[in-house]
């Protein structure tokens, strides 16, 4: 049985430095020799003693710099994984710039060592011109990569991590909800089930996470057999051995199982591409980690709610009922489950509400969040928001015994403990 298609990824982190090392060794072995035999007149004006001193300094300095920089980098990644979320921090740790920086550092060290073998070769008193400049060029590139690495690791600051996650979430919302998709009418929802299940596709293999679904391919497969494909698993779900993936209704003949599975891309972790919930999940992770007794940092939770509110505003303005896909003739072909507005609200607010119920700052910020959503989103979103408004008020009544504290915690305040809204104090 064919396994699910795994999303093509870039080169593994360890392969990038290996490629740099291999290429540098080959160039270091053969290019100076080529330069020595075929370009004997291209000689640097630098003295052999100076060239040897410079190459020795670069080689010894680069190996020390590499050890220090990456030791500190791994330490910061480990610390940030415990302070924020290991799932989020690894997105930064696996950035290509980290692997490329290590590769360039190694390349500079190796080529500087190779250059030493050709300075004053056979007591000729000559310094190869091109190789000498290549060493200096690699040194300049190494400094550029060092700056890029520092910039990338700087993303581990909490504010930048929140913005990074929010940006990924905004991009995912645009990707998933901006394209034209047709909502399924209630009578059609009943009709396709009457066709009867003709095929059920199950996962086989080790546990994997559904990262994306190529619906256009599935629509074409369903059109060819005049059937309807209904997904049981959703993007972001972990599928195990024998987990049902999808059902086929009303097919004239069984669909190609391999082609169906090829349209489902899986991997070892969730991605942002077709999964706006993942961005909310990571922001909530940062918020509840900050509210844990070990950290006790409600201000970070308030900052996480800033990004969460922005994502909820964008989600609330879109039609979230996009789970049906049709062919060019308007015939229903694919059903793919998507989160509802209530699902998004529960994910975004439930855990922060639970862990931050005793924090005046968090309650005030959540009250401001609900108040703003009620003012900017269309009426069809208000019922769920009114429910959450009541939930927050009941939670405040349970968590704060003193009436003055209840009043203080009930004031909507975008800063948590900032100006607040005076008109709400009497409510």
Protein backbone atom coordinates (compact mmCIF):
# COMPACT_ATOMS: atom_id res chain seq x y z
CA UNK A 1 0.00 0.00 0.00
CA UNK A 2 1.35 3.40 -0.99
CA UNK A 3 2.22 5.78 1.84
CA UNK A 4 1.20 9.43 1.89
CA UNK A 5 3.19 11.96 -0.05
CA UNK A 6 5.77 13.70 2.12
CA UNK A 7 6.17 17.40 1.51
CA UNK A 8 9.44 18.12 -0.32
CA UNK A 9 11.80 19.96 2.00
CA UNK A 10 15.02 21.85 1.54
CA UNK A 11 18.30 20.13 2.24
CA UNK A 12 18.69 18.81 5.77
CA UNK A 13 20.66 21.11 8.04
CA UNK A 14 23.67 18.81 8.27
CA UNK A 15 23.92 18.43 4.48
CA UNK A 16 24.50 22.14 3.81
CA UNK A 17 27.78 22.40 5.82
CA UNK A 18 28.83 19.03 4.35
CA UNK A 19 28.44 20.41 0.82
CA UNK A 20 30.46 23.51 1.71
CA UNK A 21 33.18 21.30 3.22
CA UNK A 22 33.34 18.93 0.25
CA UNK A 23 33.43 21.71 -2.36
CA UNK A 24 36.09 23.63 -0.44
CA UNK A 25 38.30 20.57 -0.10
CA UNK A 26 38.07 19.87 -3.84
CA UNK A 27 38.76 23.49 -4.78
CA UNK A 28 41.57 23.73 -2.21
CA UNK A 29 43.26 20.61 -3.59
CA UNK A 30 43.02 21.39 -7.30
CA UNK A 31 42.64 25.13 -7.93
CA UNK A 32 45.97 26.29 -6.37
CA UNK A 33 47.70 23.54 -8.34
CA UNK A 34 45.97 24.70 -11.54
CA UNK A 35 46.90 28.30 -10.73
CA UNK A 36 50.53 27.33 -10.08
CA UNK A 37 50.99 25.47 -13.38
CA UNK A 38 48.83 27.45 -15.81
CA UNK A 39 48.95 31.01 -14.43
CA UNK A 40 52.53 31.27 -13.10
CA UNK A 41 52.75 35.01 -13.77
CA UNK A 42 49.70 35.91 -11.68
CA UNK A 43 51.60 36.59 -8.47
CA UNK A 44 50.47 38.71 -5.55
CA UNK A 45 52.70 41.56 -4.44
CA UNK A 46 52.21 40.40 -0.86
CA UNK A 47 55.32 38.94 0.75
CA UNK A 48 55.28 35.21 1.59
CA UNK A 49 55.74 35.96 5.30
CA UNK A 50 52.79 38.34 5.35
CA UNK A 51 50.62 35.91 3.38
CA UNK A 52 51.42 33.05 5.74
CA UNK A 53 50.72 35.21 8.78
CA UNK A 54 47.37 36.37 7.36
CA UNK A 55 46.25 32.85 6.34
CA UNK A 56 47.34 31.42 9.70
CA UNK A 57 45.45 34.15 11.57
CA UNK A 58 42.31 33.62 9.47
CA UNK A 59 42.41 29.83 9.87
CA UNK A 60 42.95 29.88 13.63
CA UNK A 61 40.49 32.73 14.15
CA UNK A 62 37.71 31.12 12.11
CA UNK A 63 37.83 27.80 13.93
CA UNK A 64 37.68 29.61 17.28
CA UNK A 65 34.89 31.91 16.09
CA UNK A 66 32.90 28.94 14.81
CA UNK A 67 33.10 27.14 18.14
CA UNK A 68 32.15 30.19 20.21
CA UNK A 69 29.37 31.46 17.95
CA UNK A 70 27.58 28.15 17.55
CA UNK A 71 27.96 27.19 21.19
CA UNK A 72 26.20 30.43 22.13
CA UNK A 73 23.64 29.94 19.36
CA UNK A 74 22.65 26.47 20.55
CA UNK A 75 22.50 27.74 24.14
CA UNK A 76 20.14 30.56 23.16
CA UNK A 77 17.94 28.18 21.17
CA UNK A 78 17.73 25.79 24.10
CA UNK A 79 16.89 28.59 26.53
CA UNK A 80 14.27 30.05 24.19
CA UNK A 81 12.67 26.63 23.69
CA UNK A 82 11.99 26.46 27.42
CA UNK A 83 10.88 30.11 27.65
CA UNK A 84 8.53 30.20 24.63
CA UNK A 85 7.59 27.06 22.72
CA UNK A 86 9.90 24.34 21.36
CA UNK A 87 7.74 24.09 18.24
CA UNK A 88 8.15 27.77 17.48
CA UNK A 89 11.84 28.11 18.33
CA UNK A 90 12.78 25.25 16.02
CA UNK A 91 11.40 27.24 13.08
CA UNK A 92 14.15 29.78 13.77
CA UNK A 93 16.82 27.21 14.63
CA UNK A 94 16.28 25.43 11.32
CA UNK A 95 16.53 28.58 9.23
CA UNK A 96 18.93 28.02 6.29
CA UNK A 97 21.06 30.98 7.34
CA UNK A 98 22.28 28.99 10.37
CA UNK A 99 23.51 26.07 8.26
CA UNK A 100 24.94 28.34 5.56
CA UNK A 101 26.81 30.38 8.16
CA UNK A 102 28.42 27.23 9.53
CA UNK A 103 29.30 26.13 5.99
CA UNK A 104 30.92 29.46 5.10
CA UNK A 105 32.93 29.48 8.35
CA UNK A 106 34.23 25.99 7.63
CA UNK A 107 34.99 26.89 4.01
CA UNK A 108 37.02 29.94 5.08
CA UNK A 109 39.04 27.88 7.55
CA UNK A 110 39.74 25.06 5.08
CA UNK A 111 40.72 27.29 2.17
CA UNK A 112 43.02 29.37 4.36
CA UNK A 113 44.79 26.16 5.41
CA UNK A 114 45.01 25.00 1.77
CA UNK A 115 46.46 28.35 0.77
CA UNK A 116 49.31 27.93 3.26
CA UNK A 117 50.62 24.94 1.28
CA UNK A 118 51.11 27.10 -1.83
CA UNK A 119 52.69 30.18 -0.29
CA UNK A 120 56.42 30.19 -1.11
CA UNK A 121 55.96 26.81 -2.82
CA UNK A 122 59.37 25.13 -3.29
CA UNK A 123 60.98 28.30 -1.88
CA UNK A 124 59.81 30.21 -4.95
CA UNK A 125 59.00 33.31 -2.93
CA UNK A 126 55.64 33.57 -4.72
CA UNK A 127 52.11 34.04 -3.38
CA UNK A 128 49.23 32.87 -5.68
CA UNK A 129 47.22 35.94 -6.65
CA UNK A 130 43.73 34.48 -7.10
CA UNK A 131 43.90 32.12 -4.11
CA UNK A 132 45.09 34.95 -1.87
CA UNK A 133 42.09 37.07 -2.83
CA UNK A 134 39.78 34.09 -2.49
CA UNK A 135 40.81 33.73 1.14
CA UNK A 136 40.14 37.41 1.79
CA UNK A 137 36.83 37.17 -0.09
CA UNK A 138 35.74 34.21 2.02
CA UNK A 139 36.65 36.19 5.14
CA UNK A 140 34.39 39.05 4.03
CA UNK A 141 31.56 36.60 3.27
CA UNK A 142 32.06 35.03 6.69
CA UNK A 143 31.64 38.39 8.38
CA UNK A 144 28.46 38.96 6.37
CA UNK A 145 27.11 35.57 7.40
CA UNK A 146 28.01 36.33 11.02
CA UNK A 147 25.91 39.50 10.88
CA UNK A 148 23.04 37.58 9.27
CA UNK A 149 23.30 34.89 11.94
CA UNK A 150 23.18 37.47 14.73
CA UNK A 151 20.13 39.04 13.09
CA UNK A 152 18.40 35.66 12.80
CA UNK A 153 19.15 34.63 16.38
CA UNK A 154 17.88 38.06 17.45
CA UNK A 155 14.45 36.82 16.41
CA UNK A 156 14.42 34.79 19.61
CA UNK A 157 13.47 37.95 21.48
CA UNK A 158 9.88 37.57 22.61
CA UNK A 159 8.51 40.58 20.71
CA UNK A 160 10.07 39.44 17.45
CA UNK A 161 8.89 35.87 17.98
CA UNK A 162 5.33 37.11 18.44
CA UNK A 163 5.54 39.27 15.32
CA UNK A 164 7.11 36.41 13.35
CA UNK A 165 4.30 34.06 14.35
CA UNK A 166 1.63 36.67 13.67
CA UNK A 167 3.06 37.33 10.21
CA UNK A 168 2.97 33.62 9.41
CA UNK A 169 -0.62 33.48 10.61
CA UNK A 170 -1.65 36.46 8.49
CA UNK A 171 -0.04 34.89 5.43
CA UNK A 172 -1.83 31.60 6.12
CA UNK A 173 -5.21 33.36 6.43
CA UNK A 174 -4.64 35.12 3.12
CA UNK A 175 -3.59 31.85 1.48
CA UNK A 176 -6.51 29.80 2.74
CA UNK A 177 -9.41 32.25 2.70
CA UNK A 178 -8.70 34.73 -0.10
CA UNK A 179 -9.24 32.33 -3.01
CA UNK A 180 -12.75 31.90 -4.38
CA UNK A 181 -14.45 28.84 -2.95
CA UNK A 182 -18.07 27.86 -2.98
CA UNK A 183 -20.10 27.18 0.16
CA UNK A 184 -22.13 23.98 0.14
CA UNK A 185 -25.87 24.25 0.50
CA UNK A 186 -27.57 22.15 3.17
CA UNK A 187 -29.59 20.08 0.68
CA UNK A 188 -26.43 19.18 -1.23
CA UNK A 189 -24.78 18.08 2.02
CA UNK A 190 -27.51 15.49 2.37
CA UNK A 191 -27.47 14.55 -1.32
CA UNK A 192 -23.88 13.40 -1.65
CA UNK A 193 -24.17 11.07 1.35
CA UNK A 194 -27.08 9.33 -0.35
CA UNK A 195 -24.71 8.16 -3.08
CA UNK A 196 -23.17 5.60 -0.72
CA UNK A 197 -19.54 5.04 0.24
CA UNK A 198 -17.67 3.27 -2.54
CA UNK A 199 -14.14 3.59 -1.15
CA UNK A 200 -12.36 4.41 2.12
CA UNK A 201 -8.68 5.40 2.15
CA UNK A 202 -6.65 4.82 5.32
CA UNK A 203 -3.16 5.87 6.36
CA UNK A 204 -0.43 3.28 6.52
CA UNK A 205 2.99 3.80 8.06
CA UNK A 206 4.40 5.74 10.96
CA UNK A 207 2.50 8.68 12.48
CA UNK A 208 2.50 11.74 10.22
CA UNK A 209 0.87 15.16 10.26
CA UNK A 210 -1.26 16.38 7.36
CA UNK A 211 0.39 19.61 6.20
CA UNK A 212 -1.51 20.44 3.02
CA UNK A 213 -4.09 19.08 0.60
CA UNK A 214 -3.96 19.72 -3.14
CA UNK A 215 -7.68 20.10 -3.69
CA UNK A 216 -7.39 20.81 -7.42
CA UNK A 217 -5.95 17.33 -8.01
CA UNK A 218 -8.72 15.74 -5.94
CA UNK A 219 -11.43 17.68 -7.76
CA UNK A 220 -10.13 16.36 -11.08
CA UNK A 221 -9.96 12.78 -9.80
CA UNK A 222 -13.51 13.02 -8.47
CA UNK A 223 -14.78 14.60 -11.70
CA UNK A 224 -13.35 11.80 -13.82
CA UNK A 225 -15.28 9.19 -11.79
CA UNK A 226 -18.34 11.41 -11.18
CA UNK A 227 -17.90 11.03 -7.42
CA UNK A 228 -17.53 13.10 -4.26
CA UNK A 229 -14.46 12.90 -2.01
CA UNK A 230 -15.05 13.64 1.67
CA UNK A 231 -12.07 14.15 3.96
CA UNK A 232 -12.31 12.66 7.43
CA UNK A 233 -8.95 13.98 8.62
CA UNK A 234 -8.19 17.71 8.49
CA UNK A 235 -5.05 19.74 7.86
CA UNK A 236 -3.03 19.70 11.08
CA UNK A 237 -4.30 16.28 12.21
CA UNK A 238 -1.88 13.52 13.14
CA UNK A 239 -2.72 10.31 11.29
CA UNK A 240 -1.71 6.90 12.62
CA UNK A 241 -1.74 3.39 11.21
CA UNK A 242 -5.22 2.62 9.79
CA UNK A 243 -6.52 6.15 10.47
CA UNK A 244 -9.31 6.91 7.95
CA UNK A 245 -8.25 9.75 5.65
CA UNK A 246 -11.14 10.15 3.24
CA UNK A 247 -14.23 8.51 1.81
CA UNK A 248 -15.35 8.39 -1.80
CA UNK A 249 -19.08 8.56 -2.55
CA UNK A 250 -20.80 7.40 -5.72
CA UNK A 251 -17.76 6.56 -7.84
CA UNK A 252 -18.45 4.59 -11.04
CA UNK A 253 -15.18 2.73 -10.39
CA UNK A 254 -12.58 2.82 -7.58
CA UNK A 255 -10.30 5.84 -7.70
CA UNK A 256 -6.55 5.34 -7.89
CA UNK A 257 -5.48 5.10 -4.23
CA UNK A 258 -1.94 6.19 -5.03
CA UNK A 259 -3.21 9.32 -6.79
CA UNK A 260 -5.49 10.16 -3.87
CA UNK A 261 -2.64 9.85 -1.40
CA UNK A 262 -0.31 11.85 -3.63
CA UNK A 263 -2.68 14.81 -3.20
CA UNK A 264 -2.14 14.73 0.58
CA UNK A 265 1.18 16.18 1.76
CA UNK A 266 2.39 15.05 5.17
CA UNK A 267 5.41 15.62 7.39
CA UNK A 268 6.73 15.28 10.89
CA UNK A 269 5.32 18.61 12.11
CA UNK A 270 2.59 21.13 11.41
CA UNK A 271 3.22 23.99 8.99
CA UNK A 272 1.59 27.37 8.47
CA UNK A 273 0.73 27.05 4.77
CA UNK A 274 -2.88 25.78 4.98
CA UNK A 275 -3.19 25.82 8.75
CA UNK A 276 -4.09 29.22 10.28
CA UNK A 277 -4.87 27.42 13.54
CA UNK A 278 -1.18 26.60 13.92
CA UNK A 279 -0.22 30.27 14.26
CA UNK A 280 -2.88 30.72 16.94
CA UNK A 281 -1.68 27.56 18.65
CA UNK A 282 1.89 28.90 18.88
CA UNK A 283 0.79 32.33 20.11
CA UNK A 284 -1.33 30.68 22.79
CA UNK A 285 1.66 28.49 23.74
CA UNK A 286 3.74 31.62 24.36
CA UNK A 287 0.92 33.21 26.34
CA UNK A 288 0.25 30.28 28.66
CA UNK A 289 3.97 29.61 29.11
CA UNK A 290 4.33 33.22 30.28
CA UNK A 291 1.43 32.72 32.70
CA UNK A 292 2.93 29.62 34.27
CA UNK A 293 3.98 29.97 37.94
CA UNK A 294 7.62 29.37 36.98
CA UNK A 295 7.69 32.43 34.69
CA UNK A 296 4.75 34.57 35.89
CA UNK A 297 4.94 37.15 33.09
CA UNK A 298 1.40 38.34 32.26
CA UNK A 299 2.77 41.20 30.14
CA UNK A 300 4.02 38.68 27.58
CA UNK A 301 0.57 37.09 27.56
CA UNK A 302 -0.91 40.53 26.86
CA UNK A 303 1.50 40.96 23.95
CA UNK A 304 0.49 37.54 22.62
CA UNK A 305 -3.16 38.63 22.80
CA UNK A 306 -2.30 41.63 20.59
CA UNK A 307 -1.29 39.27 17.78
CA UNK A 308 -4.18 36.89 18.52
CA UNK A 309 -6.69 39.73 18.29
CA UNK A 310 -5.34 40.80 14.91
CA UNK A 311 -5.65 37.25 13.56
CA UNK A 312 -9.20 36.92 14.90
CA UNK A 313 -10.20 40.20 13.25
CA UNK A 314 -8.91 38.94 9.91
CA UNK A 315 -10.57 35.55 10.34
CA UNK A 316 -13.87 37.09 11.41
CA UNK A 317 -14.03 39.16 8.23
CA UNK A 318 -13.71 36.11 5.97
CA UNK A 319 -16.21 33.46 5.03
CA UNK A 320 -14.95 30.46 6.97
CA UNK A 321 -17.38 28.01 5.35
CA UNK A 322 -15.02 27.09 2.52
CA UNK A 323 -14.93 23.34 2.92
CA UNK A 324 -16.55 22.46 -0.40
CA UNK A 325 -14.81 22.45 -3.77
CA UNK A 326 -16.51 22.20 -7.13
CA UNK A 327 -15.46 21.48 -10.68
CA UNK A 328 -15.84 23.95 -13.54
CA UNK A 329 -19.47 22.95 -14.01
CA UNK A 330 -20.33 23.79 -10.39
CA UNK A 331 -20.74 20.18 -9.29
CA UNK A 332 -19.65 19.37 -5.76
CA UNK A 333 -16.52 17.21 -5.79
CA UNK A 334 -14.46 17.56 -2.58
CA UNK A 335 -15.42 18.17 1.07
CA UNK A 336 -12.57 19.25 3.34
CA UNK A 337 -13.25 20.09 7.02
CA UNK A 338 -12.25 23.59 8.12
CA UNK A 339 -12.43 25.24 11.56
CA UNK A 340 -15.52 27.25 12.43
CA UNK A 341 -15.52 30.68 14.05
CA UNK A 342 -16.28 29.03 17.40
CA UNK A 343 -13.29 26.68 16.92
CA UNK A 344 -10.95 29.62 16.33
CA UNK A 345 -12.28 31.51 19.36
CA UNK A 346 -11.92 28.51 21.67
CA UNK A 347 -8.37 27.87 20.49
CA UNK A 348 -7.38 31.52 20.81
CA UNK A 349 -8.97 32.30 24.18
CA UNK A 350 -9.78 29.19 26.20
CA UNK A 351 -6.37 28.32 27.64
CA UNK A 352 -5.21 31.90 28.18
CA UNK A 353 -8.52 32.55 29.92
CA UNK A 354 -8.02 29.48 32.10
CA UNK A 355 -4.41 30.19 33.08
CA UNK A 356 -4.82 33.96 33.35
CA UNK A 357 -8.12 34.05 35.24
CA UNK A 358 -6.39 35.37 38.34
CA UNK A 359 -4.47 38.12 36.52
CA UNK A 360 -6.09 41.55 36.42
CA UNK A 361 -3.87 42.46 33.48
CA UNK A 362 -4.90 39.46 31.35
CA UNK A 363 -8.61 39.82 32.14
CA UNK A 364 -8.62 43.50 31.21
CA UNK A 365 -6.82 42.76 27.94
CA UNK A 366 -9.23 39.95 27.07
CA UNK A 367 -12.20 42.21 27.81
CA UNK A 368 -10.74 44.80 25.44
CA UNK A 369 -10.22 42.10 22.82
CA UNK A 370 -13.86 40.97 22.94
CA UNK A 371 -15.12 44.56 22.96
CA UNK A 372 -13.07 45.43 19.87
CA UNK A 373 -14.13 42.30 17.99
CA UNK A 374 -17.79 43.13 18.71
CA UNK A 375 -17.28 46.62 17.28
CA UNK A 376 -15.47 45.67 14.06
CA UNK A 377 -16.85 42.25 13.05
CA UNK A 378 -20.17 41.58 11.30
CA UNK A 379 -23.27 40.63 13.37
CA UNK A 380 -23.06 36.93 12.53
CA UNK A 381 -19.90 36.73 14.66
CA UNK A 382 -21.46 38.37 17.71
CA UNK A 383 -23.24 35.39 19.28
CA UNK A 384 -20.01 33.53 20.02
CA UNK A 385 -18.36 36.75 21.17
CA UNK A 386 -21.24 37.51 23.56
CA UNK A 387 -20.79 34.04 25.01
CA UNK A 388 -17.13 34.76 25.64
CA UNK A 389 -17.96 38.16 27.12
CA UNK A 390 -20.21 36.42 29.65
CA UNK A 391 -17.57 33.74 30.30
CA UNK A 392 -14.99 36.37 31.14
CA UNK A 393 -17.31 38.22 33.49
CA UNK A 394 -18.24 35.01 35.32
CA UNK A 395 -14.57 34.09 35.58
CA UNK A 396 -13.76 37.48 37.07
CA UNK A 397 -16.52 37.03 39.64
CA UNK A 398 -15.10 33.63 40.63
CA UNK A 399 -11.44 34.69 40.73
CA UNK A 400 -11.71 38.03 42.55
CA UNK A 401 -13.61 38.07 45.83
CA UNK A 402 -13.25 41.80 46.51
CA UNK A 403 -15.76 43.92 44.59
CA UNK A 404 -13.21 46.64 43.84
CA UNK A 405 -10.91 44.03 42.27
CA UNK A 406 -13.80 42.70 40.21
CA UNK A 407 -14.53 46.18 38.92
CA UNK A 408 -10.85 46.78 38.15
CA UNK A 409 -10.52 43.46 36.31
CA UNK A 410 -13.69 44.18 34.29
CA UNK A 411 -12.37 47.34 32.67
CA UNK A 412 -11.36 46.78 29.00
CA UNK A 413 -7.73 47.83 28.64
CA UNK A 414 -5.57 47.18 25.60
CA UNK A 415 -2.40 47.51 27.67
CA UNK A 416 -3.66 45.28 30.45
CA UNK A 417 -2.82 47.85 33.07
CA UNK A 418 -2.86 51.05 31.09
CA UNK A 419 -5.49 53.73 30.62
CA UNK A 420 -8.55 51.50 30.42
CA UNK A 421 -11.96 52.67 29.26
CA UNK A 422 -13.67 54.89 31.75
CA UNK A 423 -17.14 54.31 30.33
CA UNK A 424 -16.99 50.67 31.41
CA UNK A 425 -16.23 51.30 35.06
CA UNK A 426 -19.81 51.55 36.03
CA UNK A 427 -20.87 48.35 34.30
